[in-house]
C-alpha atoms as a PDB file:
ATOM      1  CA  MET A   1      -1.309 -11.955   2.986  1.00  0.00           C
ATOM      2  CA  LYS A   2      -1.505 -14.487   5.764  1.00  0.00           C
ATOM      3  CA  ASP A   3      -4.673 -16.324   6.734  1.00  0.00           C
ATOM      4  CA  ARG A   4      -5.370 -16.650  10.453  1.00  0.00           C
ATOM      5  CA  PRO A   5      -6.313 -20.133  11.738  1.00  0.00           C
ATOM      6  CA  GLU A   6      -9.331 -18.629  13.521  1.00  0.00           C
ATOM      7  CA  GLY A   7     -10.422 -16.803  10.348  1.00  0.00           C
ATOM      8  CA  GLY A   8      -9.586 -13.524   8.727  1.00  0.00           C
ATOM      9  CA  THR A   9      -6.442 -12.336   7.046  1.00  0.00           C
ATOM     10  CA  ASP A  10      -3.416 -10.262   8.017  1.00  0.00           C
ATOM     11  CA  ILE A  11      -1.918  -8.052   5.308  1.00  0.00           C
ATOM     12  CA  ASP A  12       1.666  -6.767   5.108  1.00  0.00           C
ATOM     13  CA  VAL A  13       2.389  -4.016   2.576  1.00  0.00           C
ATOM     14  CA  LYS A  14       5.693  -2.452   1.583  1.00  0.00           C
ATOM     15  CA  MET A  15       4.996   0.850  -0.114  1.00  0.00           C
ATOM     16  CA  THR A  16       7.447   2.995  -2.059  1.00  0.00           C
ATOM     17  CA  LEU A  17       6.583   6.685  -2.325  1.00  0.00           C
ATOM     18  CA  THR A  18       7.531   8.846  -5.288  1.00  0.00           C
ATOM     19  CA  THR A  19      10.056  10.922  -3.330  1.00  0.00           C
ATOM     20  CA  GLN A  20      11.979  10.416  -0.090  1.00  0.00           C
ATOM     21  CA  GLY A  21      11.733  14.064   0.914  1.00  0.00           C
ATOM     22  CA  TYR A  22       7.940  14.076   1.028  1.00  0.00           C
ATOM     23  CA  GLY A  23       7.002  14.637   4.683  1.00  0.00           C
ATOM     24  CA  ARG A  24       3.525  13.100   4.494  1.00  0.00           C
ATOM     25  CA  GLY A  25       4.795   9.532   4.049  1.00  0.00           C
ATOM     26  CA  PRO A  26       3.748   8.374   7.539  1.00  0.00           C
ATOM     27  CA  ALA A  27       0.262   9.872   7.092  1.00  0.00           C
ATOM     28  CA  ILE A  28      -0.132   8.168   3.702  1.00  0.00           C
ATOM     29  CA  ALA A  29       0.969   4.838   5.201  1.00  0.00           C
ATOM     30  CA  MET A  30      -1.526   5.236   8.085  1.00  0.00           C
ATOM     31  CA  ASP A  31      -4.329   6.071   5.654  1.00  0.00           C
ATOM     32  CA  ALA A  32      -3.486   2.988   3.582  1.00  0.00           C
ATOM     33  CA  GLN A  33      -3.475   0.835   6.735  1.00  0.00           C
ATOM     34  CA  ILE A  34      -6.892   2.115   7.824  1.00  0.00           C
ATOM     35  CA  ARG A  35      -8.376   1.524   4.374  1.00  0.00           C
ATOM     36  CA  ILE A  36      -6.907  -1.975   4.099  1.00  0.00           C
ATOM     37  CA  GLU A  37      -8.230  -2.863   7.560  1.00  0.00           C
ATOM     38  CA  GLY A  38     -11.673  -1.734   6.333  1.00  0.00           C
ATOM     39  CA  ILE A  39     -11.758  -4.511   3.732  1.00  0.00           C
ATOM     40  CA  PRO A  40     -14.107  -7.320   4.836  1.00  0.00           C
ATOM     41  CA  GLY A  41     -12.126 -10.283   6.159  1.00  0.00           C
ATOM     42  CA  VAL A  42      -8.972  -8.292   6.896  1.00  0.00           C
ATOM     43  CA  GLU A  43      -8.142  -8.456  10.596  1.00  0.00           C
ATOM     44  CA  ASP A  44      -4.856  -6.540  10.661  1.00  0.00           C
ATOM     45  CA  ALA A  45      -2.708  -4.545   8.233  1.00  0.00           C
ATOM     46  CA  ASN A  46       0.894  -3.434   8.503  1.00  0.00           C
ATOM     47  CA  VAL A  47       2.061  -0.791   6.016  1.00  0.00           C
ATOM     48  CA  GLU A  48       5.768  -0.031   5.816  1.00  0.00           C
ATOM     49  CA  VAL A  49       7.291   2.756   3.710  1.00  0.00           C
ATOM     50  CA  VAL A  50      10.434   1.509   1.955  1.00  0.00           C
ATOM     51  CA  TRP A  51      12.864   3.150  -0.461  1.00  0.00           C
ATOM     52  CA  ASP A  52      14.242   0.090  -2.201  1.00  0.00           C
ATOM     53  CA  PRO A  53      13.404  -0.293  -4.976  1.00  0.00           C
ATOM     54  CA  PRO A  54      13.212   3.400  -5.822  1.00  0.00           C
ATOM     55  CA  TRP A  55       9.881   4.412  -7.320  1.00  0.00           C
ATOM     56  CA  THR A  56       9.611   4.852 -11.082  1.00  0.00           C
ATOM     57  CA  PRO A  57       6.555   5.483 -13.295  1.00  0.00           C
ATOM     58  CA  ALA A  58       6.945   1.916 -14.600  1.00  0.00           C
ATOM     59  CA  MET A  59       5.580   0.744 -11.217  1.00  0.00           C
ATOM     60  CA  ILE A  60       2.111   2.143 -11.951  1.00  0.00           C
ATOM     61  CA  SER A  61      -0.311  -0.709 -12.633  1.00  0.00           C
ATOM     62  CA  PRO A  62      -2.275  -0.760 -15.897  1.00  0.00           C
ATOM     63  CA  GLU A  63      -5.409   0.073 -13.878  1.00  0.00           C
ATOM     64  CA  GLY A  64      -3.625   3.009 -12.232  1.00  0.00           C
ATOM     65  CA  LYS A  65      -2.386   4.300 -15.579  1.00  0.00           C
ATOM     66  CA  GLU A  66      -5.928   4.127 -16.928  1.00  0.00           C
ATOM     67  CA  LYS A  67      -7.341   6.055 -13.946  1.00  0.00           C
ATOM     68  CA  LEU A  68      -4.611   8.683 -14.317  1.00  0.00           C
ATOM     69  CA  GLY A  69      -5.154   8.990 -18.077  1.00  0.00           C
ATOM     70  CA  LEU A  70      -1.603   7.815 -18.852  1.00  0.00           C
ATOM     71  CA  GLU A  71      -2.544   5.272 -21.503  1.00  0.00           C
END
């Protein structure tokens, strides 16, 4: 997150998907960008799909695990 001098915030996200072969990665990244830019105060979002580190289930947040019924 980076605050703009004139107000608002820019957000940079690096997102690891569960599998490299999944062809919808760019669409998921675009959807995330649109949703982040919809947050009040966010002026710009950049979402980049990365593969390092590789995704593992240990990366799921406690809140995510609760929503998925994994706890």
